[in-house]
Amino acid sequence: MKCYFDYKGTVPSGVEVVREGKITRIYFDFATEQKQFDEGEPVTVLTAENVDVNAIDYGSIVSAIVRDRYPQDRVEAILANGTDTEAHAAEFAEFQQWRAKAKEVATAAIAIINA
């Protein structure tokens, strides 16, 4: 899920892990974005992808990241479509890239948790 923060002049890099009781919040893909609230001037905000997990093991983190963007019915459609058309091939490749990203984030998050 994309989330927004007040921009304080620096963009974090990598992965951040925040433990809040039984929930572990994992933030990644930090960036800035211009956002306009009501009729005011646009402001720069900090954005990040975020997933919350209860279990803090590699598989649970990967699954949470993948499922946040790709629910089960969408995964089934992507896999069923395969790569028979250019559009299906592009969607399949995008899904695979997100899975690889999820594994990278999970590896970094586990390293932070175990540090």
N, C-alpha and C. Protein backbone atom coordinates (compact mmCIF):
# COMPACT_ATOMS: atom_id res chain seq x y z
N MET A 1 0.84 -1.15 0.00
CA MET A 1 0.00 0.00 0.00
C MET A 1 0.90 1.23 0.00
N LYS A 2 0.55 2.19 -0.81
CA LYS A 2 1.32 3.43 -0.84
C LYS A 2 0.91 4.29 0.35
N CYS A 3 1.89 4.85 1.04
CA CYS A 3 1.59 5.73 2.16
C CYS A 3 2.37 7.03 2.02
N TYR A 4 1.92 8.04 2.73
CA TYR A 4 2.46 9.40 2.61
C TYR A 4 2.93 9.90 3.97
N PHE A 5 4.04 10.66 3.94
CA PHE A 5 4.61 11.25 5.15
C PHE A 5 4.97 12.70 4.87
N ASP A 6 5.16 13.47 5.95
CA ASP A 6 5.69 14.81 5.80
C ASP A 6 7.12 14.70 5.28
N TYR A 7 7.45 15.50 4.30
CA TYR A 7 8.79 15.49 3.72
C TYR A 7 9.67 16.41 4.53
N LYS A 8 10.77 15.90 5.05
CA LYS A 8 11.67 16.67 5.91
C LYS A 8 13.01 16.95 5.24
N GLY A 9 13.05 16.85 3.91
CA GLY A 9 14.26 17.23 3.19
C GLY A 9 15.15 16.09 2.76
N THR A 10 14.94 14.90 3.29
CA THR A 10 15.74 13.76 2.84
C THR A 10 14.82 12.58 2.53
N VAL A 11 15.25 11.80 1.57
CA VAL A 11 14.49 10.61 1.17
C VAL A 11 15.26 9.39 1.68
N PRO A 12 14.65 8.62 2.58
CA PRO A 12 15.34 7.41 3.06
C PRO A 12 15.61 6.45 1.90
N SER A 13 16.59 5.61 2.08
CA SER A 13 16.85 4.60 1.06
C SER A 13 16.71 3.22 1.69
N GLY A 14 16.54 2.24 0.87
CA GLY A 14 16.46 0.87 1.37
C GLY A 14 15.12 0.55 2.01
N VAL A 15 15.21 -0.19 3.10
CA VAL A 15 14.04 -0.72 3.79
C VAL A 15 14.05 -0.23 5.22
N GLU A 16 12.88 0.12 5.75
CA GLU A 16 12.75 0.47 7.16
C GLU A 16 11.75 -0.47 7.79
N VAL A 17 12.05 -0.91 9.01
CA VAL A 17 11.19 -1.82 9.74
C VAL A 17 10.79 -1.15 11.05
N VAL A 18 9.48 -1.10 11.32
CA VAL A 18 8.97 -0.49 12.55
C VAL A 18 8.10 -1.53 13.24
N ARG A 19 8.45 -1.86 14.48
CA ARG A 19 7.65 -2.82 15.25
C ARG A 19 6.66 -2.04 16.10
N GLU A 20 5.39 -2.38 15.96
CA GLU A 20 4.33 -1.74 16.73
C GLU A 20 3.48 -2.84 17.37
N GLY A 21 3.83 -3.20 18.58
CA GLY A 21 3.14 -4.29 19.25
C GLY A 21 3.36 -5.59 18.50
N LYS A 22 2.26 -6.26 18.11
CA LYS A 22 2.36 -7.53 17.41
C LYS A 22 2.51 -7.35 15.90
N ILE A 23 2.41 -6.11 15.42
CA ILE A 23 2.51 -5.84 13.98
C ILE A 23 3.89 -5.31 13.65
N THR A 24 4.43 -5.77 12.55
CA THR A 24 5.69 -5.24 12.04
C THR A 24 5.37 -4.53 10.73
N ARG A 25 5.71 -3.24 10.65
CA ARG A 25 5.47 -2.45 9.45
C ARG A 25 6.78 -2.36 8.67
N ILE A 26 6.68 -2.67 7.38
CA ILE A 26 7.86 -2.65 6.52
C ILE A 26 7.63 -1.60 5.44
N TYR A 27 8.55 -0.64 5.35
CA TYR A 27 8.48 0.45 4.38
C TYR A 27 9.63 0.31 3.38
N PHE A 28 9.33 0.59 2.11
CA PHE A 28 10.35 0.50 1.06
C PHE A 28 9.93 1.35 -0.13
N ASP A 29 10.80 1.49 -1.09
CA ASP A 29 10.55 2.31 -2.30
C ASP A 29 10.18 3.74 -1.95
N PHE A 30 11.03 4.38 -1.18
CA PHE A 30 10.81 5.77 -0.78
C PHE A 30 11.01 6.71 -1.98
N ALA A 31 10.18 7.73 -2.06
CA ALA A 31 10.29 8.73 -3.13
C ALA A 31 9.57 10.00 -2.67
N THR A 32 9.65 11.03 -3.49
CA THR A 32 8.87 12.24 -3.22
C THR A 32 7.85 12.42 -4.33
N GLU A 33 6.82 13.18 -4.00
CA GLU A 33 5.74 13.41 -4.94
C GLU A 33 5.10 14.76 -4.63
N GLN A 34 4.64 15.42 -5.66
CA GLN A 34 3.91 16.67 -5.45
C GLN A 34 2.44 16.33 -5.20
N LYS A 35 1.87 16.87 -4.13
CA LYS A 35 0.49 16.60 -3.78
C LYS A 35 -0.20 17.93 -3.50
N GLN A 36 -1.41 18.06 -3.99
CA GLN A 36 -2.18 19.28 -3.74
C GLN A 36 -3.35 18.93 -2.83
N PHE A 37 -3.43 19.61 -1.71
CA PHE A 37 -4.49 19.39 -0.74
C PHE A 37 -5.47 20.55 -0.83
N ASP A 38 -6.73 20.23 -1.00
CA ASP A 38 -7.77 21.25 -1.17
C ASP A 38 -7.39 22.18 -2.31
N GLU A 39 -7.42 23.48 -2.05
CA GLU A 39 -7.08 24.45 -3.10
C GLU A 39 -5.75 25.15 -2.83
N GLY A 40 -4.98 24.61 -1.90
CA GLY A 40 -3.69 25.20 -1.56
C GLY A 40 -2.63 24.91 -2.61
N GLU A 41 -1.46 25.43 -2.35
CA GLU A 41 -0.32 25.20 -3.23
C GLU A 41 0.13 23.74 -3.13
N PRO A 42 0.63 23.18 -4.21
CA PRO A 42 1.17 21.81 -4.12
C PRO A 42 2.35 21.76 -3.14
N VAL A 43 2.44 20.66 -2.42
CA VAL A 43 3.53 20.46 -1.48
C VAL A 43 4.24 19.15 -1.82
N THR A 44 5.50 19.07 -1.44
CA THR A 44 6.25 17.85 -1.64
C THR A 44 6.02 16.93 -0.44
N VAL A 45 5.64 15.70 -0.72
CA VAL A 45 5.44 14.71 0.33
C VAL A 45 6.36 13.52 0.08
N LEU A 46 6.68 12.83 1.15
CA LEU A 46 7.46 11.61 1.07
C LEU A 46 6.49 10.45 0.89
N THR A 47 6.77 9.55 -0.04
CA THR A 47 5.93 8.38 -0.25
C THR A 47 6.75 7.11 -0.02
N ALA A 48 6.05 6.04 0.26
CA ALA A 48 6.70 4.73 0.41
C ALA A 48 5.66 3.65 0.21
N GLU A 49 6.12 2.48 -0.17
CA GLU A 49 5.28 1.29 -0.14
C GLU A 49 5.33 0.76 1.28
N ASN A 50 4.23 0.18 1.75
CA ASN A 50 4.16 -0.32 3.11
C ASN A 50 3.36 -1.61 3.16
N VAL A 51 3.84 -2.57 3.91
CA VAL A 51 3.05 -3.75 4.25
C VAL A 51 3.18 -3.98 5.75
N ASP A 52 2.12 -4.51 6.34
CA ASP A 52 2.13 -4.88 7.75
C ASP A 52 2.08 -6.40 7.83
N VAL A 53 2.92 -6.97 8.69
CA VAL A 53 2.94 -8.41 8.86
C VAL A 53 2.85 -8.76 10.34
N ASN A 54 2.23 -9.90 10.61
CA ASN A 54 2.18 -10.42 11.98
C ASN A 54 3.34 -11.36 12.23
N ALA A 55 3.61 -12.23 11.26
CA ALA A 55 4.73 -13.16 11.36
C ALA A 55 5.94 -12.52 10.69
N ILE A 56 7.08 -12.60 11.34
CA ILE A 56 8.26 -11.93 10.79
C ILE A 56 9.28 -12.94 10.25
N ASP A 57 8.81 -13.77 9.35
CA ASP A 57 9.71 -14.69 8.66
C ASP A 57 9.72 -14.31 7.17
N TYR A 58 10.73 -14.77 6.48
CA TYR A 58 10.94 -14.42 5.08
C TYR A 58 9.70 -14.69 4.22
N GLY A 59 9.14 -15.88 4.30
CA GLY A 59 8.00 -16.25 3.47
C GLY A 59 6.78 -15.37 3.72
N SER A 60 6.52 -15.06 4.98
CA SER A 60 5.36 -14.21 5.31
C SER A 60 5.53 -12.81 4.76
N ILE A 61 6.74 -12.30 4.81
CA ILE A 61 7.00 -10.95 4.30
C ILE A 61 6.86 -10.93 2.78
N VAL A 62 7.44 -11.91 2.09
CA VAL A 62 7.32 -11.99 0.63
C VAL A 62 5.84 -12.07 0.25
N SER A 63 5.10 -12.95 0.90
CA SER A 63 3.68 -13.12 0.59
C SER A 63 2.90 -11.83 0.82
N ALA A 64 3.18 -11.13 1.91
CA ALA A 64 2.46 -9.88 2.20
C ALA A 64 2.71 -8.83 1.12
N ILE A 65 3.95 -8.73 0.67
CA ILE A 65 4.28 -7.74 -0.36
C ILE A 65 3.61 -8.10 -1.69
N VAL A 66 3.71 -9.37 -2.08
CA VAL A 66 3.10 -9.80 -3.34
C VAL A 66 1.59 -9.64 -3.28
N ARG A 67 0.96 -10.11 -2.22
CA ARG A 67 -0.50 -10.07 -2.11
C ARG A 67 -1.04 -8.65 -1.96
N ASP A 68 -0.24 -7.75 -1.47
CA ASP A 68 -0.70 -6.36 -1.36
C ASP A 68 -1.00 -5.79 -2.74
N ARG A 69 -0.20 -6.15 -3.71
CA ARG A 69 -0.38 -5.65 -5.08
C ARG A 69 -1.16 -6.62 -5.96
N TYR A 70 -1.03 -7.91 -5.70
CA TYR A 70 -1.63 -8.94 -6.55
C TYR A 70 -2.48 -9.90 -5.72
N PRO A 71 -3.78 -9.64 -5.57
CA PRO A 71 -4.64 -10.59 -4.88
C PRO A 71 -4.74 -11.92 -5.66
N GLN A 72 -5.21 -12.95 -4.99
CA GLN A 72 -5.23 -14.29 -5.56
C GLN A 72 -5.90 -14.36 -6.93
N ASP A 73 -7.05 -13.72 -7.10
CA ASP A 73 -7.75 -13.82 -8.38
C ASP A 73 -6.95 -13.19 -9.52
N ARG A 74 -6.22 -12.13 -9.21
CA ARG A 74 -5.40 -11.50 -10.25
C ARG A 74 -4.20 -12.38 -10.61
N VAL A 75 -3.59 -13.01 -9.60
CA VAL A 75 -2.48 -13.92 -9.87
C VAL A 75 -2.95 -15.07 -10.75
N GLU A 76 -4.11 -15.63 -10.43
CA GLU A 76 -4.64 -16.73 -11.24
C GLU A 76 -4.85 -16.29 -12.69
N ALA A 77 -5.38 -15.09 -12.88
CA ALA A 77 -5.60 -14.59 -14.24
C ALA A 77 -4.28 -14.41 -14.98
N ILE A 78 -3.29 -13.84 -14.32
CA ILE A 78 -1.98 -13.63 -14.94
C ILE A 78 -1.36 -14.97 -15.35
N LEU A 79 -1.42 -15.93 -14.44
CA LEU A 79 -0.83 -17.24 -14.74
C LEU A 79 -1.61 -17.97 -15.83
N ALA A 80 -2.93 -17.85 -15.80
CA ALA A 80 -3.75 -18.51 -16.81
C ALA A 80 -3.54 -17.88 -18.19
N ASN A 81 -3.38 -16.57 -18.22
CA ASN A 81 -3.15 -15.89 -19.49
C ASN A 81 -1.78 -16.22 -20.07
N GLY A 82 -0.81 -16.45 -19.20
CA GLY A 82 0.53 -16.77 -19.67
C GLY A 82 1.13 -15.63 -20.47
N THR A 83 1.77 -15.96 -21.55
CA THR A 83 2.46 -14.95 -22.37
C THR A 83 1.99 -15.03 -23.82
N ASP A 84 0.71 -15.37 -24.01
CA ASP A 84 0.20 -15.60 -25.36
C ASP A 84 0.04 -14.33 -26.19
N THR A 85 -0.03 -13.18 -25.55
CA THR A 85 -0.08 -11.91 -26.28
C THR A 85 0.98 -10.98 -25.70
N GLU A 86 1.24 -9.90 -26.40
CA GLU A 86 2.22 -8.93 -25.91
C GLU A 86 1.79 -8.34 -24.57
N ALA A 87 0.49 -8.03 -24.46
CA ALA A 87 -0.03 -7.45 -23.21
C ALA A 87 0.08 -8.45 -22.06
N HIS A 88 -0.26 -9.71 -22.31
CA HIS A 88 -0.17 -10.73 -21.27
C HIS A 88 1.29 -10.96 -20.87
N ALA A 89 2.18 -10.97 -21.84
CA ALA A 89 3.60 -11.15 -21.55
C ALA A 89 4.13 -10.01 -20.69
N ALA A 90 3.70 -8.79 -20.99
CA ALA A 90 4.14 -7.63 -20.21
C ALA A 90 3.61 -7.71 -18.78
N GLU A 91 2.35 -8.11 -18.63
CA GLU A 91 1.75 -8.25 -17.30
C GLU A 91 2.45 -9.35 -16.50
N PHE A 92 2.77 -10.46 -17.16
CA PHE A 92 3.47 -11.55 -16.50
C PHE A 92 4.87 -11.10 -16.05
N ALA A 93 5.57 -10.38 -16.93
CA ALA A 93 6.92 -9.89 -16.59
C ALA A 93 6.86 -8.91 -15.41
N GLU A 94 5.86 -8.04 -15.40
CA GLU A 94 5.70 -7.08 -14.30
C GLU A 94 5.44 -7.81 -12.98
N PHE A 95 4.61 -8.84 -13.04
CA PHE A 95 4.34 -9.66 -11.85
C PHE A 95 5.62 -10.31 -11.34
N GLN A 96 6.42 -10.86 -12.24
CA GLN A 96 7.67 -11.51 -11.85
C GLN A 96 8.66 -10.50 -11.26
N GLN A 97 8.69 -9.29 -11.81
CA GLN A 97 9.57 -8.25 -11.26
C GLN A 97 9.15 -7.88 -9.84
N TRP A 98 7.83 -7.79 -9.61
CA TRP A 98 7.34 -7.46 -8.27
C TRP A 98 7.68 -8.58 -7.28
N ARG A 99 7.58 -9.83 -7.72
CA ARG A 99 7.96 -10.95 -6.87
C ARG A 99 9.44 -10.88 -6.50
N ALA A 100 10.28 -10.55 -7.47
CA ALA A 100 11.72 -10.41 -7.19
C ALA A 100 11.96 -9.27 -6.21
N LYS A 101 11.25 -8.16 -6.40
CA LYS A 101 11.37 -7.01 -5.48
C LYS A 101 10.95 -7.43 -4.07
N ALA A 102 9.87 -8.19 -3.97
CA ALA A 102 9.38 -8.65 -2.67
C ALA A 102 10.45 -9.48 -1.95
N LYS A 103 11.15 -10.31 -2.70
CA LYS A 103 12.20 -11.14 -2.11
C LYS A 103 13.38 -10.30 -1.63
N GLU A 104 13.73 -9.26 -2.40
CA GLU A 104 14.81 -8.35 -1.98
C GLU A 104 14.43 -7.62 -0.70
N VAL A 105 13.20 -7.10 -0.66
CA VAL A 105 12.75 -6.37 0.53
C VAL A 105 12.70 -7.30 1.74
N ALA A 106 12.18 -8.52 1.55
CA ALA A 106 12.10 -9.46 2.65
C ALA A 106 13.48 -9.80 3.20
N THR A 107 14.44 -9.99 2.32
CA THR A 107 15.81 -10.30 2.74
C THR A 107 16.37 -9.13 3.57
N ALA A 108 16.17 -7.90 3.11
CA ALA A 108 16.65 -6.74 3.85
C ALA A 108 15.93 -6.58 5.19
N ALA A 109 14.61 -6.81 5.19
CA ALA A 109 13.83 -6.67 6.42
C ALA A 109 14.27 -7.70 7.46
N ILE A 110 14.49 -8.93 7.04
CA ILE A 110 14.94 -9.98 7.97
C ILE A 110 16.31 -9.62 8.54
N ALA A 111 17.19 -9.07 7.71
CA ALA A 111 18.52 -8.66 8.20
C ALA A 111 18.39 -7.57 9.26
N ILE A 112 17.48 -6.63 9.05
CA ILE A 112 17.26 -5.55 10.03
C ILE A 112 16.68 -6.13 11.32
N ILE A 113 15.70 -7.00 11.19
CA ILE A 113 15.05 -7.59 12.37
C ILE A 113 16.03 -8.41 13.19
N ASN A 114 16.91 -9.13 12.51
CA ASN A 114 17.86 -10.00 13.21
C ASN A 114 19.13 -9.28 13.66
N ALA A 115 19.26 -8.01 13.34
CA ALA A 115 20.49 -7.28 13.71
C ALA A 115 20.54 -6.99 15.20
